[in-house]
Amino acid sequence: MSVQVVDVPERERFEAAVDGAVVGFAAYQRTAELVVFTHTEVDPSLEGQGVGGALVREALDHVRGLGLRVLPICPFVQSYMTRHPEYADLDYRRPPSRVTD
C-alpha cells in the first residue's frame, strides 16, 4: 500500500491518502518556533497497516525541513518519537545540548 502525505495548512493538518482517498490525518497548531501535534486519526479499517507511522514520519520530516521543533501533545506522535530516536532532536521539551569540543 502506498501512502501519500501532504500538509494542508488551511486545515492545520497533515493528511494521509491511499489511492486518492484521505484515510488519516495529524492535526497541528503552528507557532513561529514550533509545531504542536494535537491529534492523529487513521481510518479504523487501516489501523495496524503502517498508515499512522507513514503519516507521522512524513509530517516530522516536513517539520524538520522547515527548521522547526515539535511539541507532541498527541499520544500517537509522542509514542512514535519515543520509538524512533532519530526524531528526538525535534522534541521541544528536550533540553538543548551543552556539549562542546
Protein backbone atom coordinates (compact mmCIF):
# COMPACT_ATOMS: atom_id res chain seq x y z
CA MET A 1 0.00 0.00 0.00
CA SER A 2 1.33 3.41 -0.98
CA VAL A 3 0.55 6.26 1.42
CA GLN A 4 0.82 9.85 0.21
CA VAL A 5 1.17 12.51 2.90
CA VAL A 6 0.55 16.19 2.29
CA ASP A 7 0.50 19.27 4.51
CA VAL A 8 -2.85 21.07 4.35
CA PRO A 9 -2.09 24.31 6.26
CA GLU A 10 -5.55 25.83 5.76
CA ARG A 11 -6.95 22.84 7.72
CA GLU A 12 -3.97 22.76 10.11
CA ARG A 13 -3.23 19.12 9.48
CA PHE A 14 -1.21 16.63 7.51
CA GLU A 15 -3.39 14.24 5.55
CA ALA A 16 -2.59 10.67 4.53
CA ALA A 17 -4.21 9.37 1.36
CA VAL A 18 -4.37 5.92 -0.24
CA ASP A 19 -5.50 5.76 -3.86
CA GLY A 20 -6.54 9.42 -3.65
CA ALA A 21 -8.83 8.95 -0.62
CA VAL A 22 -7.95 10.62 2.69
CA VAL A 23 -7.58 7.86 5.28
CA GLY A 24 -5.95 9.71 8.15
CA PHE A 25 -4.70 12.99 9.49
CA ALA A 26 -2.38 14.53 12.06
CA ALA A 27 -3.79 17.81 13.37
CA TYR A 28 -1.42 20.54 14.46
CA GLN A 29 -1.08 24.13 15.52
CA ARG A 30 1.92 26.08 14.29
CA THR A 31 3.73 28.90 16.04
CA ALA A 32 6.81 30.84 14.96
CA GLU A 33 9.14 28.31 16.57
CA LEU A 34 7.30 25.01 16.76
CA VAL A 35 4.53 22.72 15.57
CA VAL A 36 2.19 21.33 18.24
CA PHE A 37 0.72 17.97 17.20
CA THR A 38 -2.65 17.68 18.94
CA HIS A 39 -4.43 14.65 17.46
CA THR A 40 -3.85 11.83 14.98
CA GLU A 41 -6.53 9.67 13.44
CA VAL A 42 -6.47 6.81 10.93
CA ASP A 43 -9.42 5.02 9.33
CA PRO A 44 -10.10 2.04 11.63
CA SER A 45 -10.11 -0.38 8.69
CA LEU A 46 -6.44 0.52 8.04
CA GLU A 47 -5.13 0.55 11.61
CA GLY A 48 -2.03 -1.57 12.09
CA GLN A 49 -1.05 -1.33 8.42
CA GLY A 50 1.55 1.41 8.73
CA VAL A 51 -0.60 4.37 7.69
CA GLY A 52 -0.18 6.19 11.01
CA GLY A 53 3.56 5.62 11.05
CA ALA A 54 3.95 6.87 7.48
CA LEU A 55 1.81 9.90 8.29
CA VAL A 56 3.81 10.90 11.36
CA ARG A 57 7.18 10.16 9.75
CA GLU A 58 6.39 12.38 6.76
CA ALA A 59 4.96 15.11 9.00
CA LEU A 60 8.07 15.12 11.21
CA ASP A 61 10.36 15.17 8.18
CA HIS A 62 8.41 18.16 6.84
CA VAL A 63 8.72 20.00 10.17
CA ARG A 64 12.46 19.26 10.24
CA GLY A 65 12.75 20.71 6.74
CA LEU A 66 11.15 23.92 7.98
CA GLY A 67 13.74 24.16 10.77
CA LEU A 68 11.07 23.99 13.49
CA ARG A 69 10.66 21.82 16.58
CA VAL A 70 7.74 19.67 17.74
CA LEU A 71 5.61 19.64 20.87
CA PRO A 72 3.91 16.22 20.70
CA ILE A 73 0.68 16.54 22.70
CA CYS A 74 -0.89 13.70 20.69
CA PRO A 75 -0.11 10.33 22.34
CA PHE A 76 0.45 8.66 18.96
CA VAL A 77 3.07 11.25 17.92
CA GLN A 78 4.69 11.03 21.39
CA SER A 79 4.90 7.26 21.10
CA TYR A 80 6.28 7.42 17.56
CA MET A 81 9.00 9.84 18.60
CA THR A 82 9.92 7.64 21.57
CA ARG A 83 10.22 4.58 19.33
CA HIS A 84 12.24 6.49 16.71
CA PRO A 85 15.12 8.29 18.44
CA GLU A 86 16.21 9.83 15.13
CA TYR A 87 13.45 12.40 15.79
CA ALA A 88 14.48 13.18 19.40
CA ASP A 89 16.21 16.38 18.29
CA LEU A 90 12.84 17.77 17.17
CA ASP A 91 11.24 17.44 20.62
CA TYR A 92 10.66 20.92 22.01
CA ARG A 93 10.72 19.53 25.57
CA ARG A 94 14.23 18.16 25.16
CA PRO A 95 16.87 20.46 26.63
CA PRO A 96 19.41 21.79 24.13
CA SER A 97 22.78 20.08 24.05
CA ARG A 98 25.57 21.73 26.03
CA VAL A 99 28.30 19.52 24.56
CA THR A 100 31.35 21.36 23.27
CA ASP A 101 34.56 20.25 21.62
